[in-house]
Amino acid sequence: MDHIQYQYSGHCLYCHSDCFHHQTCTVCPQCGNVYHLECWEENGGCSQFGCKMAPVVKKRNEAEIPQSFWGKEEKVCPNCGKEILAAALRCRYCGARFKSEWPIESHEYETQERLRKKLPAIKRTLIFLFTTSIIVFSAPFGIVASCLWYKKNKKTLALLPSFFKTLIITGIIAGTTQILLVVLLTCIYSLLH
């Protein structure tokens, strides 16, 4: 590619300003358009659409595209209040972790953290209640305990995945069905004998 000192040859197709004699300019060997040397290098080739000397446009990965919410590329950490990237799943200042990139308020974050800390105990309680509800001997106690626990923790269960609510309701239904079957079979047996 030849770099030429032009007296005057129109304007640079990239920056749309004139090319004067004191500027180093270049000509696209394919289409003949004139560019300032700096403009040619900055663009990485010709800026004429369809020219073979035009730079190859690389498709960006999703990870390279800065995420933004409501037009902002930063959000406030709900734990420490400092500005972090909108796509961040962890605060670089306080180390707080988030379930998604979506900005959340501090009270929502506190609720999520409380639930996260309670989750192991909730899982153990639900497994215990489910087990006691489906075992025939302990079903009456399991059903009563499950109903009381469900009534007391209904709001907490609404914030958790639906699996937890399904587990306790399934335990109550299975236990109740078993008790009714035992009562029905006992009645049938007593009528036949």
C-alpha atoms as a PDB file:
ATOM      1  CA  MET A   1       0.000   0.000   0.000  1.00  0.00           C
ATOM      2  CA  ASP A   2       1.440   3.351  -1.042  1.00  0.00           C
ATOM      3  CA  HIS A   3       1.362   6.323   1.300  1.00  0.00           C
ATOM      4  CA  ILE A   4       1.217   9.515  -0.685  1.00  0.00           C
ATOM      5  CA  GLN A   5       1.677  13.172   0.232  1.00  0.00           C
ATOM      6  CA  TYR A   6      -1.399  14.718  -1.407  1.00  0.00           C
ATOM      7  CA  GLN A   7      -1.627  18.370  -2.415  1.00  0.00           C
ATOM      8  CA  TYR A   8      -5.417  18.156  -2.161  1.00  0.00           C
ATOM      9  CA  SER A   9      -7.569  15.292  -3.223  1.00  0.00           C
ATOM     10  CA  GLY A  10     -11.022  15.641  -1.760  1.00  0.00           C
ATOM     11  CA  HIS A  11     -11.890  14.251   1.614  1.00  0.00           C
ATOM     12  CA  CYS A  12     -11.164  11.146   3.680  1.00  0.00           C
ATOM     13  CA  LEU A  13     -14.048   8.697   3.404  1.00  0.00           C
ATOM     14  CA  TYR A  14     -13.610   7.624   7.046  1.00  0.00           C
ATOM     15  CA  CYS A  15     -13.549  10.956   8.921  1.00  0.00           C
ATOM     16  CA  HIS A  16     -15.079  13.065   6.137  1.00  0.00           C
ATOM     17  CA  SER A  17     -12.481  15.821   6.485  1.00  0.00           C
ATOM     18  CA  ASP A  18     -10.220  17.157   3.709  1.00  0.00           C
ATOM     19  CA  CYS A  19      -6.842  15.621   2.876  1.00  0.00           C
ATOM     20  CA  PHE A  20      -4.228  18.407   2.587  1.00  0.00           C
ATOM     21  CA  HIS A  21      -0.612  18.399   1.389  1.00  0.00           C
ATOM     22  CA  HIS A  22       0.867  18.296   4.905  1.00  0.00           C
ATOM     23  CA  GLN A  23      -1.015  15.067   5.748  1.00  0.00           C
ATOM     24  CA  THR A  24       0.048  11.536   4.846  1.00  0.00           C
ATOM     25  CA  CYS A  25      -2.796   9.898   2.960  1.00  0.00           C
ATOM     26  CA  THR A  26      -3.338   6.519   1.389  1.00  0.00           C
ATOM     27  CA  VAL A  27      -5.485   5.177  -1.412  1.00  0.00           C
ATOM     28  CA  CYS A  28      -7.505   1.964  -1.219  1.00  0.00           C
ATOM     29  CA  PRO A  29      -6.011  -0.309  -3.919  1.00  0.00           C
ATOM     30  CA  GLN A  30      -9.435  -1.901  -4.538  1.00  0.00           C
ATOM     31  CA  CYS A  31     -11.844   1.025  -4.865  1.00  0.00           C
ATOM     32  CA  GLY A  32      -9.516   4.071  -5.048  1.00  0.00           C
ATOM     33  CA  ASN A  33     -10.997   5.981  -2.094  1.00  0.00           C
ATOM     34  CA  VAL A  34      -8.640   8.336  -0.255  1.00  0.00           C
ATOM     35  CA  TYR A  35      -7.995   8.092   3.497  1.00  0.00           C
ATOM     36  CA  HIS A  36      -5.772   9.723   6.066  1.00  0.00           C
ATOM     37  CA  LEU A  37      -3.198   7.103   7.071  1.00  0.00           C
ATOM     38  CA  GLU A  38      -4.397   7.302  10.703  1.00  0.00           C
ATOM     39  CA  CYS A  39      -8.008   6.798   9.591  1.00  0.00           C
ATOM     40  CA  TRP A  40      -7.069   3.772   7.456  1.00  0.00           C
ATOM     41  CA  GLU A  41      -5.202   2.185  10.379  1.00  0.00           C
ATOM     42  CA  GLU A  42      -7.904   2.995  12.926  1.00  0.00           C
ATOM     43  CA  ASN A  43     -10.592   1.416  10.735  1.00  0.00           C
ATOM     44  CA  GLY A  44      -8.364  -1.501   9.805  1.00  0.00           C
ATOM     45  CA  GLY A  45      -8.978  -0.989   6.069  1.00  0.00           C
ATOM     46  CA  CYS A  46     -11.409   0.641   3.695  1.00  0.00           C
ATOM     47  CA  SER A  47     -14.708   1.961   5.020  1.00  0.00           C
ATOM     48  CA  GLN A  48     -16.542   1.629   1.689  1.00  0.00           C
ATOM     49  CA  PHE A  49     -19.379  -0.891   2.004  1.00  0.00           C
ATOM     50  CA  GLY A  50     -18.708  -3.966  -0.117  1.00  0.00           C
ATOM     51  CA  CYS A  51     -15.025  -3.212  -0.762  1.00  0.00           C
ATOM     52  CA  LYS A  52     -12.727  -6.233  -0.460  1.00  0.00           C
ATOM     53  CA  MET A  53     -10.279  -4.153   1.590  1.00  0.00           C
ATOM     54  CA  ALA A  54     -12.915  -3.469   4.277  1.00  0.00           C
ATOM     55  CA  PRO A  55     -12.078  -4.991   7.686  1.00  0.00           C
ATOM     56  CA  VAL A  56     -13.679  -8.305   8.611  1.00  0.00           C
ATOM     57  CA  VAL A  57     -16.336  -7.734  11.244  1.00  0.00           C
ATOM     58  CA  LYS A  58     -16.006 -10.259  14.030  1.00  0.00           C
ATOM     59  CA  LYS A  59     -19.119 -11.309  15.871  1.00  0.00           C
ATOM     60  CA  ARG A  60     -18.789 -10.586  19.559  1.00  0.00           C
ATOM     61  CA  ASN A  61     -19.465 -13.246  22.145  1.00  0.00           C
ATOM     62  CA  GLU A  62     -22.251 -12.600  24.625  1.00  0.00           C
ATOM     63  CA  ALA A  63     -19.644 -12.326  27.367  1.00  0.00           C
ATOM     64  CA  GLU A  64     -17.903  -9.448  25.534  1.00  0.00           C
ATOM     65  CA  ILE A  65     -21.051  -7.362  25.219  1.00  0.00           C
ATOM     66  CA  PRO A  66     -21.430  -5.201  28.318  1.00  0.00           C
ATOM     67  CA  GLN A  67     -24.740  -5.929  29.977  1.00  0.00           C
ATOM     68  CA  SER A  68     -26.889  -3.011  31.006  1.00  0.00           C
ATOM     69  CA  PHE A  69     -30.176  -2.517  32.795  1.00  0.00           C
ATOM     70  CA  TRP A  70     -32.352   0.513  32.251  1.00  0.00           C
ATOM     71  CA  GLY A  71     -29.542   2.036  30.153  1.00  0.00           C
ATOM     72  CA  LYS A  72     -26.913   1.775  32.889  1.00  0.00           C
ATOM     73  CA  GLU A  73     -23.844  -0.448  32.744  1.00  0.00           C
ATOM     74  CA  GLU A  74     -23.434  -0.351  36.529  1.00  0.00           C
ATOM     75  CA  LYS A  75     -25.659  -1.222  39.465  1.00  0.00           C
ATOM     76  CA  VAL A  76     -25.492  -0.692  43.203  1.00  0.00           C
ATOM     77  CA  CYS A  77     -24.448  -3.641  45.362  1.00  0.00           C
ATOM     78  CA  PRO A  78     -27.409  -4.291  47.714  1.00  0.00           C
ATOM     79  CA  ASN A  79     -25.034  -5.382  50.479  1.00  0.00           C
ATOM     80  CA  CYS A  80     -22.381  -2.620  50.613  1.00  0.00           C
ATOM     81  CA  GLY A  81     -23.915   0.082  48.401  1.00  0.00           C
ATOM     82  CA  LYS A  82     -20.912   0.474  46.050  1.00  0.00           C
ATOM     83  CA  GLU A  83     -21.183   0.615  42.252  1.00  0.00           C
ATOM     84  CA  ILE A  84     -20.401  -2.641  40.407  1.00  0.00           C
ATOM     85  CA  LEU A  85     -20.846  -3.834  36.806  1.00  0.00           C
ATOM     86  CA  ALA A  86     -24.453  -4.544  35.820  1.00  0.00           C
ATOM     87  CA  ALA A  87     -23.594  -8.110  34.766  1.00  0.00           C
ATOM     88  CA  ALA A  88     -21.750  -8.914  38.016  1.00  0.00           C
ATOM     89  CA  LEU A  89     -22.871 -11.954  39.997  1.00  0.00           C
ATOM     90  CA  ARG A  90     -20.478 -11.106  42.840  1.00  0.00           C
ATOM     91  CA  CYS A  91     -19.531  -7.781  44.405  1.00  0.00           C
ATOM     92  CA  ARG A  92     -15.808  -7.080  44.033  1.00  0.00           C
ATOM     93  CA  TYR A  93     -15.819  -4.952  47.209  1.00  0.00           C
ATOM     94  CA  CYS A  94     -17.709  -7.021  49.796  1.00  0.00           C
ATOM     95  CA  GLY A  95     -17.849 -10.443  48.081  1.00  0.00           C
ATOM     96  CA  ALA A  96     -21.662 -10.665  48.157  1.00  0.00           C
ATOM     97  CA  ARG A  97     -23.041 -13.161  45.624  1.00  0.00           C
ATOM     98  CA  PHE A  98     -26.243 -12.768  43.605  1.00  0.00           C
ATOM     99  CA  LYS A  99     -28.563 -15.306  41.961  1.00  0.00           C
ATOM    100  CA  SER A 100     -28.825 -13.272  38.740  1.00  0.00           C
ATOM    101  CA  GLU A 101     -27.446 -10.116  37.136  1.00  0.00           C
ATOM    102  CA  TRP A 102     -30.680  -8.218  37.686  1.00  0.00           C
ATOM    103  CA  PRO A 103     -30.328  -5.344  40.146  1.00  0.00           C
ATOM    104  CA  ILE A 104     -32.107  -5.919  43.451  1.00  0.00           C
ATOM    105  CA  GLU A 105     -32.906  -3.754  46.435  1.00  0.00           C
ATOM    106  CA  SER A 106     -31.124  -4.243  49.754  1.00  0.00           C
ATOM    107  CA  HIS A 107     -34.258  -5.623  51.506  1.00  0.00           C
ATOM    108  CA  GLU A 108     -34.652  -8.236  48.731  1.00  0.00           C
ATOM    109  CA  TYR A 109     -31.002  -9.214  49.118  1.00  0.00           C
ATOM    110  CA  GLU A 110     -31.393  -9.540  52.913  1.00  0.00           C
ATOM    111  CA  THR A 111     -34.470 -11.766  52.418  1.00  0.00           C
ATOM    112  CA  GLN A 112     -32.560 -13.964  49.944  1.00  0.00           C
ATOM    113  CA  GLU A 113     -29.611 -14.255  52.342  1.00  0.00           C
ATOM    114  CA  ARG A 114     -31.863 -15.216  55.268  1.00  0.00           C
ATOM    115  CA  LEU A 115     -33.512 -17.874  53.112  1.00  0.00           C
ATOM    116  CA  ARG A 116     -30.138 -19.160  51.915  1.00  0.00           C
ATOM    117  CA  LYS A 117     -28.972 -19.576  55.522  1.00  0.00           C
ATOM    118  CA  LYS A 118     -32.261 -21.253  56.585  1.00  0.00           C
ATOM    119  CA  LEU A 119     -32.426 -23.579  53.564  1.00  0.00           C
ATOM    120  CA  PRO A 120     -30.493 -26.555  55.041  1.00  0.00           C
ATOM    121  CA  ALA A 121     -32.745 -26.572  58.140  1.00  0.00           C
ATOM    122  CA  ILE A 122     -35.875 -26.221  55.992  1.00  0.00           C
ATOM    123  CA  LYS A 123     -34.774 -29.180  53.827  1.00  0.00           C
ATOM    124  CA  ARG A 124     -34.171 -31.371  56.888  1.00  0.00           C
ATOM    125  CA  THR A 125     -37.537 -30.420  58.396  1.00  0.00           C
ATOM    126  CA  LEU A 126     -39.418 -31.112  55.161  1.00  0.00           C
ATOM    127  CA  ILE A 127     -37.773 -34.507  54.696  1.00  0.00           C
ATOM    128  CA  PHE A 128     -38.591 -35.422  58.310  1.00  0.00           C
ATOM    129  CA  LEU A 129     -42.233 -34.288  57.966  1.00  0.00           C
ATOM    130  CA  PHE A 130     -42.639 -36.075  54.629  1.00  0.00           C
ATOM    131  CA  THR A 131     -41.190 -39.299  56.038  1.00  0.00           C
ATOM    132  CA  THR A 132     -43.340 -39.244  59.187  1.00  0.00           C
ATOM    133  CA  SER A 133     -46.441 -38.495  57.085  1.00  0.00           C
ATOM    134  CA  ILE A 134     -46.043 -41.467  54.752  1.00  0.00           C
ATOM    135  CA  ILE A 135     -45.142 -44.068  57.391  1.00  0.00           C
ATOM    136  CA  VAL A 136     -48.383 -45.690  58.564  1.00  0.00           C
ATOM    137  CA  PHE A 137     -47.541 -45.720  62.294  1.00  0.00           C
ATOM    138  CA  SER A 138     -46.498 -42.068  62.471  1.00  0.00           C
ATOM    139  CA  ALA A 139     -48.831 -40.671  59.771  1.00  0.00           C
ATOM    140  CA  PRO A 140     -51.359 -39.037  62.160  1.00  0.00           C
ATOM    141  CA  PHE A 141     -48.593 -37.132  63.964  1.00  0.00           C
ATOM    142  CA  GLY A 142     -46.787 -36.357  60.689  1.00  0.00           C
ATOM    143  CA  ILE A 143     -49.927 -34.954  59.092  1.00  0.00           C
ATOM    144  CA  VAL A 144     -50.732 -32.695  62.054  1.00  0.00           C
ATOM    145  CA  ALA A 145     -47.112 -31.506  62.317  1.00  0.00           C
ATOM    146  CA  SER A 146     -46.928 -30.938  58.529  1.00  0.00           C
ATOM    147  CA  CYS A 147     -50.169 -28.915  58.494  1.00  0.00           C
ATOM    148  CA  LEU A 148     -49.021 -26.741  61.407  1.00  0.00           C
ATOM    149  CA  TRP A 149     -45.557 -26.208  59.880  1.00  0.00           C
ATOM    150  CA  TYR A 150     -47.071 -25.410  56.468  1.00  0.00           C
ATOM    151  CA  LYS A 151     -49.455 -22.851  57.959  1.00  0.00           C
ATOM    152  CA  LYS A 152     -46.634 -21.166  59.911  1.00  0.00           C
ATOM    153  CA  ASN A 153     -44.135 -21.127  56.983  1.00  0.00           C
ATOM    154  CA  LYS A 154     -46.444 -20.452  54.016  1.00  0.00           C
ATOM    155  CA  LYS A 155     -44.722 -17.148  53.109  1.00  0.00           C
ATOM    156  CA  THR A 156     -41.255 -18.712  53.286  1.00  0.00           C
ATOM    157  CA  LEU A 157     -42.354 -21.607  51.057  1.00  0.00           C
ATOM    158  CA  ALA A 158     -43.695 -19.125  48.484  1.00  0.00           C
ATOM    159  CA  LEU A 159     -40.158 -17.710  48.086  1.00  0.00           C
ATOM    160  CA  LEU A 160     -38.568 -21.135  47.612  1.00  0.00           C
ATOM    161  CA  PRO A 161     -38.699 -23.377  44.514  1.00  0.00           C
ATOM    162  CA  SER A 162     -42.074 -25.123  44.103  1.00  0.00           C
ATOM    163  CA  PHE A 163     -40.481 -28.511  44.886  1.00  0.00           C
ATOM    164  CA  PHE A 164     -40.503 -27.745  48.634  1.00  0.00           C
ATOM    165  CA  LYS A 165     -44.203 -26.862  48.709  1.00  0.00           C
ATOM    166  CA  THR A 166     -44.997 -29.923  46.582  1.00  0.00           C
ATOM    167  CA  LEU A 167     -43.070 -32.188  48.969  1.00  0.00           C
ATOM    168  CA  ILE A 168     -44.987 -31.178  52.092  1.00  0.00           C
ATOM    169  CA  ILE A 169     -48.386 -31.230  50.348  1.00  0.00           C
ATOM    170  CA  THR A 170     -47.616 -34.649  48.853  1.00  0.00           C
ATOM    171  CA  GLY A 171     -46.711 -35.928  52.328  1.00  0.00           C
ATOM    172  CA  ILE A 172     -49.978 -34.627  53.796  1.00  0.00           C
ATOM    173  CA  ILE A 173     -52.061 -36.138  50.965  1.00  0.00           C
ATOM    174  CA  ALA A 174     -50.212 -39.491  51.053  1.00  0.00           C
ATOM    175  CA  GLY A 175     -50.525 -39.717  54.843  1.00  0.00           C
ATOM    176  CA  THR A 176     -54.204 -38.802  54.816  1.00  0.00           C
ATOM    177  CA  THR A 177     -54.883 -41.346  52.059  1.00  0.00           C
ATOM    178  CA  GLN A 178     -53.108 -44.059  54.047  1.00  0.00           C
ATOM    179  CA  ILE A 179     -55.076 -43.293  57.212  1.00  0.00           C
ATOM    180  CA  LEU A 180     -58.377 -43.331  55.291  1.00  0.00           C
ATOM    181  CA  LEU A 181     -57.430 -46.649  53.662  1.00  0.00           C
ATOM    182  CA  VAL A 182     -56.517 -48.161  57.045  1.00  0.00           C
ATOM    183  CA  VAL A 183     -59.817 -46.939  58.545  1.00  0.00           C
ATOM    184  CA  LEU A 184     -61.763 -48.244  55.528  1.00  0.00           C
ATOM    185  CA  LEU A 185     -60.035 -51.648  55.623  1.00  0.00           C
ATOM    186  CA  THR A 186     -60.603 -51.870  59.382  1.00  0.00           C
ATOM    187  CA  CYS A 187     -64.315 -51.131  58.904  1.00  0.00           C
ATOM    188  CA  ILE A 188     -64.602 -53.711  56.109  1.00  0.00           C
ATOM    189  CA  TYR A 189     -62.774 -56.299  58.201  1.00  0.00           C
ATOM    190  CA  SER A 190     -64.986 -55.671  61.246  1.00  0.00           C
ATOM    191  CA  LEU A 191     -68.137 -55.952  59.113  1.00  0.00           C
ATOM    192  CA  LEU A 192     -67.027 -59.244  57.582  1.00  0.00           C
ATOM    193  CA  HIS A 193     -66.069 -60.858  60.887  1.00  0.00           C
END
